[in-house]
C-alpha cells in the first residue's frame, strides 16, 4: 500500500536500524540486499526523529521507541508483529495497534451483497 502511495508510513532511524538487524540476523540477507531495501523504504516513508520519550512498555524499552515514532508521526495505526508487548496494548493515545493481518483485513474488507 505504501509502494502504491495509498498510505503514508512513518519510520524513525531507530526502526530502520532494528529492521537492518532483523534482515541480517533472522533472514540472512546480504549487506547489499539490506542497503537496497533500506534505500527503497526511505524513499517511500516519512522520516521521524521523535523528540518525546515514553516509558509504557517496561519489559522492553526498545518498544517505547516504536511508540514514540507513532506518536510523533501523529499516525492512526501502528502495525506490529510484537504479540508480547505492543499488540496487547491494542491502542495508545488514540493510535490503534494492529498486526499486519488485522491492518490488511481492515482495508480489504468487502461488503457482503445485499438482497
Foldseek 3Di string as FASTA:
>chain_A
DLVVVPDAAEDEPLRLVVVLVCCCPVVVDDPVVSVVVSVVVVVRHHYDDFPDFDCPFPVDRSVRVQVSRCVRVVDQEREDPPPPTQVVVCDDPNHGYYHPVVVVCVVPPDDDDDD
